[in-house]
Protein backbone atom coordinates (compact mmCIF):
# COMPACT_ATOMS: atom_id res chain seq x y z
CA MET A 1 37.84 30.37 7.95
CA LYS A 2 35.75 33.06 6.26
CA ASN A 3 33.00 32.54 8.87
CA MET A 4 35.51 33.08 11.69
CA LEU A 5 36.65 36.35 10.08
CA VAL A 6 33.06 37.54 9.79
CA LEU A 7 32.41 36.51 13.40
CA ALA A 8 35.58 38.29 14.56
CA ALA A 9 34.60 41.46 12.69
CA PHE A 10 31.11 41.33 14.17
CA ALA A 11 32.48 40.78 17.67
CA ALA A 12 34.97 43.63 17.29
CA ALA A 13 32.28 45.98 16.00
CA PHE A 14 30.21 45.38 19.12
CA GLY A 15 33.09 45.29 21.57
CA LEU A 16 32.86 41.56 22.20
CA SER A 17 35.56 38.97 22.32
CA ILE A 18 35.28 35.84 20.19
CA SER A 19 35.05 33.75 23.34
CA SER A 20 31.99 35.69 24.55
CA VAL A 21 30.25 35.05 21.23
CA HIS A 22 30.89 31.30 21.56
CA SER A 23 30.04 31.04 25.25
CA ALA A 24 26.44 29.81 25.13
CA PRO A 25 25.76 27.26 27.85
CA PRO A 26 25.91 23.64 26.62
CA THR A 27 22.29 23.00 27.65
CA ALA A 28 21.13 25.99 25.60
CA ILE A 29 23.06 24.70 22.61
CA LYS A 30 21.57 21.22 23.01
CA ALA A 31 18.05 22.65 23.29
CA ALA A 32 18.58 24.82 20.20
CA ASP A 33 20.00 21.85 18.30
CA ALA A 34 17.00 19.69 19.26
CA HIS A 35 14.65 22.49 18.23
CA HIS A 36 16.36 22.87 14.84
CA ALA A 37 16.48 19.09 14.39
CA MET A 38 12.74 18.82 14.96
CA TYR A 39 12.04 21.50 12.33
CA ALA A 40 14.43 19.85 9.86
CA ASN A 41 13.00 16.38 10.48
CA CYS A 42 9.41 17.57 10.04
CA ALA A 43 10.32 19.42 6.84
CA LYS A 44 11.94 16.27 5.43
CA ILE A 45 9.03 14.00 6.34
CA CYS A 46 6.55 16.50 4.86
CA ALA A 47 8.57 16.71 1.63
CA ASP A 48 8.78 12.91 1.40
CA CYS A 49 5.04 12.62 2.01
CA MET A 50 4.32 15.26 -0.63
CA LEU A 51 6.25 13.23 -3.20
CA GLU A 52 4.45 10.02 -2.27
CA CYS A 53 1.05 11.71 -2.42
CA GLU A 54 1.90 13.13 -5.85
CA LYS A 55 2.68 9.59 -7.01
CA MET A 56 -0.66 8.52 -5.58
CA VAL A 57 -2.46 11.27 -7.52
CA HIS A 58 -1.01 9.87 -10.73
CA HIS A 59 -1.69 6.25 -9.75
CA CYS A 60 -5.31 6.88 -8.72
CA SER A 61 -6.02 9.22 -11.63
CA GLU A 62 -4.87 6.59 -14.10
CA LEU A 63 -7.12 4.00 -12.44
CA ALA A 64 -10.09 6.39 -12.34
CA MET A 65 -9.66 7.24 -16.03
CA SER A 66 -9.59 3.53 -16.86
CA GLY A 67 -13.03 3.16 -15.33
CA LYS A 68 -12.25 2.45 -11.67
CA LYS A 69 -14.26 5.39 -10.35
CA ASP A 70 -13.62 4.42 -6.72
CA HIS A 71 -10.10 5.88 -7.16
CA ALA A 72 -11.32 9.41 -7.98
CA ARG A 73 -11.74 10.44 -4.34
CA PRO A 74 -8.34 9.11 -3.21
CA ALA A 75 -6.76 11.02 -6.12
CA ALA A 76 -8.41 14.27 -5.02
CA ILE A 77 -7.54 13.75 -1.34
CA ALA A 78 -3.93 12.86 -2.21
CA ALA A 79 -3.63 16.01 -4.36
CA ALA A 80 -4.81 18.22 -1.50
CA CYS A 81 -2.61 16.36 0.96
CA ALA A 82 0.42 16.85 -1.29
CA GLU A 83 -0.23 20.61 -1.39
CA LEU A 84 -0.46 20.89 2.40
CA CYS A 85 2.64 18.72 2.84
CA ALA A 86 4.56 20.99 0.45
CA VAL A 87 3.51 24.13 2.34
CA SER A 88 4.38 22.55 5.69
CA ALA A 89 7.76 21.39 4.40
CA LYS A 90 8.57 24.94 3.28
CA LEU A 91 7.32 26.67 6.41
CA THR A 92 9.04 24.29 8.81
CA ALA A 93 12.28 24.54 6.85
CA ARG A 94 12.05 28.33 7.30
CA HIS A 95 11.08 28.06 11.00
CA SER A 96 8.09 30.20 10.09
CA ASP A 97 5.67 31.40 12.74
CA LEU A 98 2.96 29.91 10.52
CA ALA A 99 4.47 26.40 10.67
CA PRO A 100 2.27 25.22 13.58
CA ALA A 101 -0.96 26.15 11.77
CA SER A 102 0.27 24.57 8.56
CA CYS A 103 1.38 21.43 10.38
CA GLU A 104 -2.00 21.08 12.08
CA ALA A 105 -3.76 21.26 8.70
CA CYS A 106 -1.20 18.91 7.17
CA ALA A 107 -1.75 16.34 9.92
CA LYS A 108 -5.51 16.37 9.27
CA ALA A 109 -4.98 16.02 5.52
CA CYS A 110 -2.56 13.15 6.08
CA ASP A 111 -5.11 11.40 8.30
CA MET A 112 -7.71 11.70 5.53
CA CYS A 113 -5.29 10.55 2.83
CA ALA A 114 -4.15 7.56 4.88
CA ALA A 115 -7.78 6.56 5.51
CA GLU A 116 -8.57 6.75 1.78
CA CYS A 117 -5.50 4.71 0.83
CA GLU A 118 -6.26 2.07 3.45
CA LYS A 119 -9.53 1.32 1.65
CA PHE A 120 -7.38 -0.53 -0.91
CA PRO A 121 -5.36 -3.01 1.19
CA ASP A 122 -4.40 -5.13 -1.83
CA MET A 123 -2.51 -2.26 -3.50
CA PRO A 124 1.07 -1.90 -2.22
CA GLU A 125 1.39 1.63 -3.65
CA MET A 126 -1.50 2.77 -1.52
CA LYS A 127 -0.08 1.12 1.59
CA VAL A 128 3.19 3.02 1.12
CA CYS A 129 1.26 6.29 0.85
CA ALA A 130 -0.90 5.49 3.89
CA ASP A 131 2.13 4.60 6.00
CA LEU A 132 4.01 7.76 5.05
CA CYS A 133 0.93 9.91 5.64
CA LYS A 134 0.61 8.45 9.14
CA LYS A 135 4.28 9.19 9.83
CA CYS A 136 3.85 12.75 8.53
CA ALA A 137 0.74 13.33 10.65
CA ILE A 138 2.63 12.27 13.77
CA SER A 139 5.59 14.50 12.93
CA CYS A 140 3.36 17.50 12.18
CA ARG A 141 1.40 17.11 15.40
CA GLU A 142 4.65 16.89 17.39
CA MET A 143 5.94 20.00 15.61
CA ALA A 144 2.79 22.01 16.26
CA LYS A 145 2.70 20.89 19.89
CA MET A 146 6.39 21.74 20.44
CA VAL A 147 6.09 25.19 18.90
CA HIS A 148 2.84 26.03 20.73
CA HIS A 149 4.46 24.90 23.98
CA LYS A 150 7.42 27.27 23.45
CA GLN A 151 5.16 30.28 22.80
């Protein structure tokens, strides 16, 4: 109700009727909804991937400290990937003009992280991270492509 009052006040201030404010064509509304949904979906996938990569940093760091030195590189890659996923999640959630650049970098980081994790096929934790990184890379590439196409 409060939103309608604000909308009515805005419309009155600019000499518009409420119906003219709500009269966007249905196709424009659907396109805007799809656009917003893509940003929201990418932000969510990036945030989920960031969390999984942070878990991987801990997992691989523990293994590296216990003497399994082959887990040091995956820990470092996962840490960097988590950072780029976090930035991309924030920028896509904000619909930032910098989201495409961030998403392109995030996709590359996710590719690298997935490749590192796949070197350990017997570790289910690393498979989960690899799978989510692949999903994030796809989402980020779609986001960057969609935004570049609209510009």
